[in-house]
C-alpha atoms as a PDB file:
ATOM      1  CA  MET A   1      24.576  51.619 -28.523  1.00  0.00           C
ATOM      2  CA  LYS A   2      22.552  53.983 -26.342  1.00  0.00           C
ATOM      3  CA  LYS A   3      19.642  53.587 -28.780  1.00  0.00           C
ATOM      4  CA  TYR A   4      19.616  49.792 -28.341  1.00  0.00           C
ATOM      5  CA  ALA A   5      19.761  50.068 -24.549  1.00  0.00           C
ATOM      6  CA  PHE A   6      16.925  52.611 -24.573  1.00  0.00           C
ATOM      7  CA  LEU A   7      14.827  50.439 -26.930  1.00  0.00           C
ATOM      8  CA  SER A   8      15.428  47.350 -24.774  1.00  0.00           C
ATOM      9  CA  VAL A   9      14.297  49.168 -21.618  1.00  0.00           C
ATOM     10  CA  LEU A  10      11.279  50.593 -23.462  1.00  0.00           C
ATOM     11  CA  PHE A  11      10.344  47.100 -24.767  1.00  0.00           C
ATOM     12  CA  VAL A  12      10.549  45.579 -21.264  1.00  0.00           C
ATOM     13  CA  ALA A  13       8.445  48.403 -19.806  1.00  0.00           C
ATOM     14  CA  ILE A  14       5.723  48.038 -22.456  1.00  0.00           C
ATOM     15  CA  THR A  15       5.637  44.255 -21.974  1.00  0.00           C
ATOM     16  CA  ALA A  16       5.319  44.636 -18.210  1.00  0.00           C
ATOM     17  CA  ILE A  17       2.493  47.152 -18.514  1.00  0.00           C
ATOM     18  CA  SER A  18       0.555  45.052 -21.031  1.00  0.00           C
ATOM     19  CA  CYS A  19       0.888  41.916 -18.858  1.00  0.00           C
ATOM     20  CA  ASN A  20      -0.469  43.851 -15.900  1.00  0.00           C
ATOM     21  CA  ASP A  21      -3.566  44.859 -17.848  1.00  0.00           C
ATOM     22  CA  THR A  22      -4.435  41.231 -18.733  1.00  0.00           C
ATOM     23  CA  LYS A  23      -4.234  40.193 -15.090  1.00  0.00           C
ATOM     24  CA  LYS A  24      -6.766  42.870 -14.147  1.00  0.00           C
ATOM     25  CA  GLN A  25      -9.197  41.726 -16.829  1.00  0.00           C
ATOM     26  CA  ALA A  26      -9.006  38.007 -15.961  1.00  0.00           C
ATOM     27  CA  GLU A  27     -10.097  38.069 -12.324  1.00  0.00           C
ATOM     28  CA  PRO A  28     -11.442  34.733 -11.131  1.00  0.00           C
ATOM     29  CA  GLU A  29     -15.165  34.279 -10.678  1.00  0.00           C
ATOM     30  CA  ILE A  30     -16.145  33.872  -7.035  1.00  0.00           C
ATOM     31  CA  LYS A  31     -18.889  31.406  -6.194  1.00  0.00           C
ATOM     32  CA  THR A  32     -20.513  30.965  -2.830  1.00  0.00           C
ATOM     33  CA  VAL A  33     -21.197  27.420  -1.675  1.00  0.00           C
ATOM     34  CA  ASP A  34     -23.523  26.733   1.210  1.00  0.00           C
ATOM     35  CA  THR A  35     -21.522  24.448   3.500  1.00  0.00           C
ATOM     36  CA  ASN A  36     -24.110  24.595   6.262  1.00  0.00           C
ATOM     37  CA  ALA A  37     -26.730  22.739   4.266  1.00  0.00           C
ATOM     38  CA  GLU A  38     -27.873  19.584   5.987  1.00  0.00           C
ATOM     39  CA  SER A  39     -27.011  16.487   4.008  1.00  0.00           C
ATOM     40  CA  GLU A  40     -29.123  13.396   4.236  1.00  0.00           C
ATOM     41  CA  PRO A  41     -27.741  10.906   6.748  1.00  0.00           C
ATOM     42  CA  TYR A  42     -26.466   7.654   5.337  1.00  0.00           C
ATOM     43  CA  THR A  43     -28.754   4.678   5.776  1.00  0.00           C
ATOM     44  CA  ALA A  44     -27.598   1.112   5.403  1.00  0.00           C
ATOM     45  CA  ALA A  45     -28.569  -0.716   2.240  1.00  0.00           C
ATOM     46  CA  LYS A  46     -30.566  -3.898   2.377  1.00  0.00           C
ATOM     47  CA  THR A  47     -28.196  -6.837   2.383  1.00  0.00           C
ATOM     48  CA  ASP A  48     -28.566  -9.870   0.169  1.00  0.00           C
ATOM     49  CA  ALA A  49     -26.665 -11.968   2.722  1.00  0.00           C
ATOM     50  CA  GLU A  50     -28.609 -14.774   4.328  1.00  0.00           C
ATOM     51  CA  PHE A  51     -27.222 -16.543   7.354  1.00  0.00           C
ATOM     52  CA  LYS A  52     -27.259 -20.140   8.489  1.00  0.00           C
ATOM     53  CA  ASP A  53     -27.935 -19.005  12.074  1.00  0.00           C
ATOM     54  CA  GLU A  54     -30.361 -16.254  13.129  1.00  0.00           C
ATOM     55  CA  LYS A  55     -27.986 -15.189  15.922  1.00  0.00           C
ATOM     56  CA  MET A  56     -25.251 -14.488  13.362  1.00  0.00           C
ATOM     57  CA  ALA A  57     -27.730 -12.507  11.270  1.00  0.00           C
ATOM     58  CA  LYS A  58     -28.463 -10.393  14.342  1.00  0.00           C
ATOM     59  CA  VAL A  59     -24.737  -9.830  14.995  1.00  0.00           C
ATOM     60  CA  PHE A  60     -24.195  -8.687  11.410  1.00  0.00           C
ATOM     61  CA  ASP A  61     -27.271  -6.448  11.457  1.00  0.00           C
ATOM     62  CA  GLN A  62     -26.181  -4.784  14.712  1.00  0.00           C
ATOM     63  CA  TYR A  63     -22.628  -4.398  13.383  1.00  0.00           C
ATOM     64  CA  ILE A  64     -23.996  -2.644  10.257  1.00  0.00           C
ATOM     65  CA  GLN A  65     -26.119  -0.340  12.435  1.00  0.00           C
ATOM     66  CA  LEU A  66     -23.010   0.592  14.444  1.00  0.00           C
ATOM     67  CA  LYS A  67     -21.033   1.162  11.230  1.00  0.00           C
ATOM     68  CA  THR A  68     -23.837   3.377   9.927  1.00  0.00           C
ATOM     69  CA  ALA A  69     -23.732   5.549  13.060  1.00  0.00           C
ATOM     70  CA  LEU A  70     -19.970   5.960  12.615  1.00  0.00           C
ATOM     71  CA  VAL A  71     -20.399   6.828   8.915  1.00  0.00           C
ATOM     72  CA  ASN A  72     -22.847   9.542  10.032  1.00  0.00           C
ATOM     73  CA  THR A  73     -20.347  10.733  12.687  1.00  0.00           C
ATOM     74  CA  ASP A  74     -23.019  10.284  15.360  1.00  0.00           C
ATOM     75  CA  ALA A  75     -21.259   9.354  18.609  1.00  0.00           C
ATOM     76  CA  GLU A  76     -24.493   9.158  20.603  1.00  0.00           C
ATOM     77  CA  LYS A  77     -26.115   6.754  18.168  1.00  0.00           C
ATOM     78  CA  ALA A  78     -22.888   4.733  17.883  1.00  0.00           C
ATOM     79  CA  SER A  79     -22.960   4.294  21.650  1.00  0.00           C
ATOM     80  CA  ALA A  80     -26.566   3.061  21.543  1.00  0.00           C
ATOM     81  CA  LYS A  81     -25.869   0.689  18.638  1.00  0.00           C
ATOM     82  CA  ALA A  82     -22.780  -0.665  20.428  1.00  0.00           C
ATOM     83  CA  SER A  83     -25.026  -1.581  23.357  1.00  0.00           C
ATOM     84  CA  GLU A  84     -27.285  -3.557  21.007  1.00  0.00           C
ATOM     85  CA  LEU A  85     -24.259  -5.247  19.415  1.00  0.00           C
ATOM     86  CA  MET A  86     -23.009  -6.210  22.876  1.00  0.00           C
ATOM     87  CA  THR A  87     -26.300  -8.043  23.467  1.00  0.00           C
ATOM     88  CA  ALA A  88     -25.963  -9.828  20.113  1.00  0.00           C
ATOM     89  CA  PHE A  89     -22.373 -10.760  21.004  1.00  0.00           C
ATOM     90  CA  ALA A  90     -23.497 -12.152  24.355  1.00  0.00           C
ATOM     91  CA  ASN A  91     -26.016 -14.397  22.581  1.00  0.00           C
ATOM     92  CA  VAL A  92     -23.337 -16.052  20.422  1.00  0.00           C
ATOM     93  CA  GLY A  93     -20.322 -15.802  22.717  1.00  0.00           C
ATOM     94  CA  VAL A  94     -17.254 -13.794  21.747  1.00  0.00           C
ATOM     95  CA  ASP A  95     -13.856 -13.288  23.314  1.00  0.00           C
ATOM     96  CA  ASP A  96     -13.194 -10.657  25.969  1.00  0.00           C
ATOM     97  CA  VAL A  97     -11.250  -8.407  23.576  1.00  0.00           C
ATOM     98  CA  ALA A  98     -14.293  -7.986  21.329  1.00  0.00           C
ATOM     99  CA  LEU A  99     -16.608  -7.386  24.280  1.00  0.00           C
ATOM    100  CA  GLN A 100     -14.219  -4.781  25.663  1.00  0.00           C
ATOM    101  CA  ALA A 101     -14.026  -2.996  22.297  1.00  0.00           C
ATOM    102  CA  VAL A 102     -17.827  -2.820  22.032  1.00  0.00           C
ATOM    103  CA  GLN A 103     -18.042  -1.644  25.623  1.00  0.00           C
ATOM    104  CA  ASP A 104     -15.464   1.075  24.876  1.00  0.00           C
ATOM    105  CA  ILE A 105     -17.655   2.322  22.029  1.00  0.00           C
ATOM    106  CA  GLU A 106     -20.756   2.197  24.206  1.00  0.00           C
ATOM    107  CA  GLU A 107     -19.160   4.147  27.058  1.00  0.00           C
ATOM    108  CA  SER A 108     -17.479   6.801  24.901  1.00  0.00           C
ATOM    109  CA  ASP A 109     -18.881  10.013  23.488  1.00  0.00           C
ATOM    110  CA  ASP A 110     -15.666  10.632  21.514  1.00  0.00           C
ATOM    111  CA  ILE A 111     -16.155   9.625  17.874  1.00  0.00           C
ATOM    112  CA  LYS A 112     -12.391   9.172  17.362  1.00  0.00           C
ATOM    113  CA  ALA A 113     -12.165   6.719  20.260  1.00  0.00           C
ATOM    114  CA  GLN A 114     -15.240   4.899  18.981  1.00  0.00           C
ATOM    115  CA  ARG A 115     -13.717   4.571  15.527  1.00  0.00           C
ATOM    116  CA  THR A 116     -10.483   3.227  16.988  1.00  0.00           C
ATOM    117  CA  ALA A 117     -12.369   0.549  18.948  1.00  0.00           C
ATOM    118  CA  PHE A 118     -14.401  -0.279  15.830  1.00  0.00           C
ATOM    119  CA  VAL A 119     -11.260  -1.772  14.245  1.00  0.00           C
ATOM    120  CA  THR A 120     -11.227  -4.510  16.896  1.00  0.00           C
ATOM    121  CA  VAL A 121     -14.973  -5.059  16.581  1.00  0.00           C
ATOM    122  CA  THR A 122     -14.602  -5.459  12.812  1.00  0.00           C
ATOM    123  CA  SER A 123     -11.859  -8.023  13.232  1.00  0.00           C
ATOM    124  CA  GLU A 124     -14.036 -10.124  15.543  1.00  0.00           C
ATOM    125  CA  VAL A 125     -17.157  -9.880  13.381  1.00  0.00           C
ATOM    126  CA  GLU A 126     -15.132 -10.839  10.305  1.00  0.00           C
ATOM    127  CA  LYS A 127     -13.968 -14.037  12.050  1.00  0.00           C
ATOM    128  CA  MET A 128     -17.574 -14.795  12.965  1.00  0.00           C
ATOM    129  CA  MET A 129     -18.734 -14.399   9.350  1.00  0.00           C
ATOM    130  CA  ASP A 130     -16.463 -17.202   8.114  1.00  0.00           C
ATOM    131  CA  ASP A 131     -18.830 -20.025   7.153  1.00  0.00           C
ATOM    132  CA  ALA A 132     -21.844 -18.111   8.567  1.00  0.00           C
ATOM    133  CA  LEU A 133     -23.488 -17.311   5.232  1.00  0.00           C
ATOM    134  CA  ALA A 134     -26.079 -19.496   3.570  1.00  0.00           C
ATOM    135  CA  SER A 135     -26.100 -17.200   0.522  1.00  0.00           C
ATOM    136  CA  GLY A 136     -25.272 -13.667  -0.562  1.00  0.00           C
ATOM    137  CA  THR A 137     -22.175 -11.546  -0.052  1.00  0.00           C
ATOM    138  CA  ILE A 138     -20.551  -9.435   2.647  1.00  0.00           C
ATOM    139  CA  TYR A 139     -17.963  -6.944   1.429  1.00  0.00           C
ATOM    140  CA  LYS A 140     -14.704  -6.443   3.279  1.00  0.00           C
ATOM    141  CA  GLN A 141     -13.649  -2.865   2.600  1.00  0.00           C
ATOM    142  CA  TYR A 142     -10.412  -1.023   3.282  1.00  0.00           C
ATOM    143  CA  CYS A 143      -9.374   2.591   3.737  1.00  0.00           C
ATOM    144  CA  PRO A 144      -5.613   3.074   3.360  1.00  0.00           C
ATOM    145  CA  MET A 145      -5.729   6.565   4.887  1.00  0.00           C
ATOM    146  CA  ALA A 146      -7.422   5.668   8.184  1.00  0.00           C
ATOM    147  CA  PHE A 147      -5.437   6.265  11.360  1.00  0.00           C
ATOM    148  CA  ASN A 148      -2.667   8.364   9.833  1.00  0.00           C
ATOM    149  CA  ASN A 149      -2.229   6.103   6.807  1.00  0.00           C
ATOM    150  CA  GLU A 150      -2.039   2.871   8.815  1.00  0.00           C
ATOM    151  CA  GLY A 151      -5.244   1.768   7.119  1.00  0.00           C
ATOM    152  CA  ALA A 152      -8.262  -0.062   8.501  1.00  0.00           C
ATOM    153  CA  TYR A 153     -10.923  -2.533   7.378  1.00  0.00           C
ATOM    154  CA  TRP A 154     -14.668  -2.710   7.853  1.00  0.00           C
ATOM    155  CA  LEU A 155     -17.472  -4.956   6.640  1.00  0.00           C
ATOM    156  CA  SER A 156     -20.308  -3.737   4.472  1.00  0.00           C
ATOM    157  CA  GLU A 157     -23.649  -4.929   3.226  1.00  0.00           C
ATOM    158  CA  SER A 158     -23.031  -3.407  -0.221  1.00  0.00           C
ATOM    159  CA  LYS A 159     -20.202  -2.627  -2.647  1.00  0.00           C
ATOM    160  CA  ASP A 160     -20.754   1.111  -2.118  1.00  0.00           C
ATOM    161  CA  ILE A 161     -17.981   2.687  -0.061  1.00  0.00           C
ATOM    162  CA  MET A 162     -19.267   4.515   3.012  1.00  0.00           C
ATOM    163  CA  ASN A 163     -16.250   5.073   5.232  1.00  0.00           C
ATOM    164  CA  PRO A 164     -16.907   4.731   8.993  1.00  0.00           C
ATOM    165  CA  TYR A 165     -13.432   6.005   9.879  1.00  0.00           C
ATOM    166  CA  PHE A 166     -13.815   9.427   8.215  1.00  0.00           C
ATOM    167  CA  GLY A 167     -17.569   9.856   7.867  1.00  0.00           C
ATOM    168  CA  ASP A 168     -18.552  12.852   5.759  1.00  0.00           C
ATOM    169  CA  LYS A 169     -14.974  14.177   5.674  1.00  0.00           C
ATOM    170  CA  MET A 170     -13.939  11.411   3.250  1.00  0.00           C
ATOM    171  CA  LEU A 171     -17.090   9.368   2.820  1.00  0.00           C
ATOM    172  CA  LYS A 172     -16.030   7.544  -0.336  1.00  0.00           C
ATOM    173  CA  CYS A 173     -12.396   6.851   0.631  1.00  0.00           C
ATOM    174  CA  GLY A 174     -11.758   3.136   0.380  1.00  0.00           C
ATOM    175  CA  ARG A 175     -12.079   0.068  -1.778  1.00  0.00           C
ATOM    176  CA  VAL A 176     -13.620  -3.377  -1.704  1.00  0.00           C
ATOM    177  CA  ASP A 177     -10.767  -5.599  -0.580  1.00  0.00           C
ATOM    178  CA  ALA A 178     -12.541  -8.967  -0.487  1.00  0.00           C
ATOM    179  CA  GLU A 179     -15.925 -10.644  -0.638  1.00  0.00           C
ATOM    180  CA  ILE A 180     -17.167 -13.072   1.983  1.00  0.00           C
ATOM    181  CA  GLN A 181     -19.557 -15.595   0.473  1.00  0.00           C
END
């Protein structure tokens, strides 16, 4: 009986030692990744959408420029583009809620606040795009993770997902939810 107990202990000890040796030999390879490298800023694609009214074309163009600044996480540029969108809004007439949202973006240097106001701007521009197109397509896109998983929409000139709510943190998070034609 003592022999079996001794052999069992010896077997466990040998197994433990041999397992330890394999762990030492299979150390993971360490790779260094340069996270400070400058990535190219996103630029808006050329849209195939053509509008019945030049003023609506200007609103959409300025909206896309604002979205692009948010995709690039550039609060200063977003503020400047919001100012240009406000002028385009004034030329077609929008409700006070939309004007206030654009003004909030223009006056803020906080990208999170700008992105929050962008939800309201998107809603207004989407309403304006109903029956505004002569031809082409505008893509309504959706990110389910925006704003702590509440989700948010934006309009795009292309099918490619470039998320204005997360920028480079989650650039491709989203899906095409609808097409406006």
